[in-house]
Amino acid sequence: MGYFKFERLEVWKRSIDWANELFDVAQQLPKDLQFSIGEQLRRAALSVPTNIAEGTGRGTGKESQYFFRVAKGSVYEVVSLLVMAGKRNCISAEQYRMLRNEADEIAAILTKLRN
């Protein structure tokens, strides 16, 4: 079985792992935040690798760039949600720092892909 182009991209692999960690964070949120923060966090996290995959399947560079921009926007959305989760004392400072560092790196790689 062969690989799709996106499966070879380091940024896709990292964003899958990052999204998986974010799903764990969302699952551990208190019940009253499961829908508001939790569901939004899962959707935004899943959007990153999904849009990277879709972008690599597009025919033109312009179309690919659009999906990489959407993926990067979703990274920013996740960071905003993590800040709120931190303010609600739902994640530790260390967990926030780790997830935020990965967000910075994924966003930087996506910027390079767009250029």
Protein backbone atom coordinates (compact mmCIF):
# COMPACT_ATOMS: atom_id res chain seq x y z
CA MET A 1 0.00 0.00 0.00
CA GLY A 2 1.39 3.38 -1.00
CA TYR A 3 1.32 6.63 0.85
CA PHE A 4 -0.57 9.78 0.09
CA LYS A 5 1.67 12.83 -0.30
CA PHE A 6 0.49 14.37 2.98
CA GLU A 7 1.43 11.24 4.94
CA ARG A 8 5.08 11.95 4.17
CA LEU A 9 4.93 15.50 5.51
CA GLU A 10 6.50 15.98 8.92
CA VAL A 11 4.05 18.80 9.68
CA TRP A 12 1.09 16.49 9.06
CA LYS A 13 2.57 13.78 11.32
CA ARG A 14 3.26 16.32 14.06
CA SER A 15 -0.18 17.87 13.76
CA ILE A 16 -1.81 14.43 14.08
CA ASP A 17 0.13 13.78 17.29
CA TRP A 18 -0.65 17.29 18.56
CA ALA A 19 -4.36 16.85 17.80
CA ASN A 20 -4.33 13.54 19.64
CA GLU A 21 -2.88 15.25 22.72
CA LEU A 22 -5.47 18.01 22.42
CA PHE A 23 -8.26 15.43 22.31
CA ASP A 24 -6.93 14.14 25.65
CA VAL A 25 -7.00 17.69 27.04
CA ALA A 26 -10.57 18.16 25.81
CA GLN A 27 -11.66 14.86 27.33
CA GLN A 28 -10.27 15.86 30.73
CA LEU A 29 -12.13 19.16 30.88
CA PRO A 30 -14.85 19.50 33.52
CA LYS A 31 -18.34 18.53 32.39
CA ASP A 32 -19.55 22.15 32.26
CA LEU A 33 -16.79 22.99 29.72
CA GLN A 34 -17.08 19.86 27.56
CA PHE A 35 -19.32 21.46 24.99
CA SER A 36 -18.07 25.05 24.95
CA ILE A 37 -14.30 24.59 25.11
CA GLY A 38 -13.98 20.85 24.65
CA GLU A 39 -15.90 20.46 21.41
CA GLN A 40 -14.37 23.59 19.90
CA LEU A 41 -10.89 22.37 20.88
CA ARG A 42 -11.47 18.99 19.24
CA ARG A 43 -12.78 20.58 16.04
CA ALA A 44 -9.95 23.09 15.77
CA ALA A 45 -7.31 20.45 16.55
CA LEU A 46 -8.73 18.08 13.93
CA SER A 47 -8.89 20.88 11.38
CA VAL A 48 -5.10 21.27 11.30
CA PRO A 49 -4.05 17.86 9.90
CA THR A 50 -7.25 17.60 7.86
CA ASN A 51 -6.59 20.86 6.03
CA ILE A 52 -2.94 19.96 5.51
CA ALA A 53 -4.07 16.71 3.91
CA GLU A 54 -6.63 18.45 1.74
CA GLY A 55 -4.14 21.11 0.70
CA THR A 56 -1.69 18.54 -0.60
CA GLY A 57 -4.42 16.99 -2.73
CA ARG A 58 -5.26 20.21 -4.55
CA GLY A 59 -4.05 20.77 -8.07
CA THR A 60 -2.76 24.32 -7.89
CA GLY A 61 -0.40 26.06 -5.53
CA LYS A 62 -3.01 28.73 -4.90
CA GLU A 63 -5.56 26.14 -3.74
CA SER A 64 -2.97 24.37 -1.58
CA GLN A 65 -1.97 27.67 0.01
CA TYR A 66 -5.58 28.35 0.96
CA PHE A 67 -5.83 25.09 2.93
CA PHE A 68 -2.46 25.66 4.60
CA ARG A 69 -3.74 29.11 5.69
CA VAL A 70 -6.90 27.52 7.10
CA ALA A 71 -4.76 24.97 8.99
CA LYS A 72 -2.63 27.77 10.44
CA GLY A 73 -5.77 29.66 11.49
CA SER A 74 -6.92 26.55 13.31
CA VAL A 75 -3.58 26.42 15.16
CA TYR A 76 -4.27 29.95 16.38
CA GLU A 77 -7.79 28.96 17.39
CA VAL A 78 -6.39 26.09 19.48
CA VAL A 79 -3.97 28.45 21.23
CA SER A 80 -6.81 30.79 22.16
CA LEU A 81 -8.81 27.87 23.55
CA LEU A 82 -5.79 26.66 25.52
CA VAL A 83 -5.43 30.11 27.07
CA MET A 84 -9.05 29.93 28.23
CA ALA A 85 -8.57 26.39 29.54
CA GLY A 86 -5.57 27.66 31.48
CA LYS A 87 -7.54 30.56 32.92
CA ARG A 88 -10.17 28.05 34.08
CA ASN A 89 -7.36 26.02 35.74
CA CYS A 90 -8.08 23.03 33.49
CA ILE A 91 -4.50 22.54 32.31
CA SER A 92 -1.17 23.00 34.02
CA ALA A 93 1.30 25.70 33.05
CA GLU A 94 3.68 22.97 31.86
CA GLN A 95 1.04 21.31 29.70
CA TYR A 96 0.12 24.69 28.22
CA ARG A 97 3.78 25.47 27.51
CA MET A 98 4.34 22.13 25.79
CA LEU A 99 1.22 22.40 23.62
CA ARG A 100 1.94 26.07 22.84
CA ASN A 101 5.51 25.30 21.75
CA GLU A 102 4.24 22.67 19.34
CA ALA A 103 1.66 25.16 18.04
CA ASP A 104 4.45 27.68 17.34
CA GLU A 105 6.47 25.09 15.44
CA ILE A 106 3.53 23.78 13.41
CA ALA A 107 2.50 27.34 12.50
CA ALA A 108 6.06 28.15 11.39
CA ILE A 109 6.20 25.07 9.17
CA LEU A 110 2.81 25.95 7.65
CA THR A 111 4.12 29.44 6.85
CA LYS A 112 7.06 27.87 5.00
CA LEU A 113 4.73 25.53 3.10
CA ARG A 114 2.68 28.49 1.91
CA ASN A 115 5.74 30.29 0.54
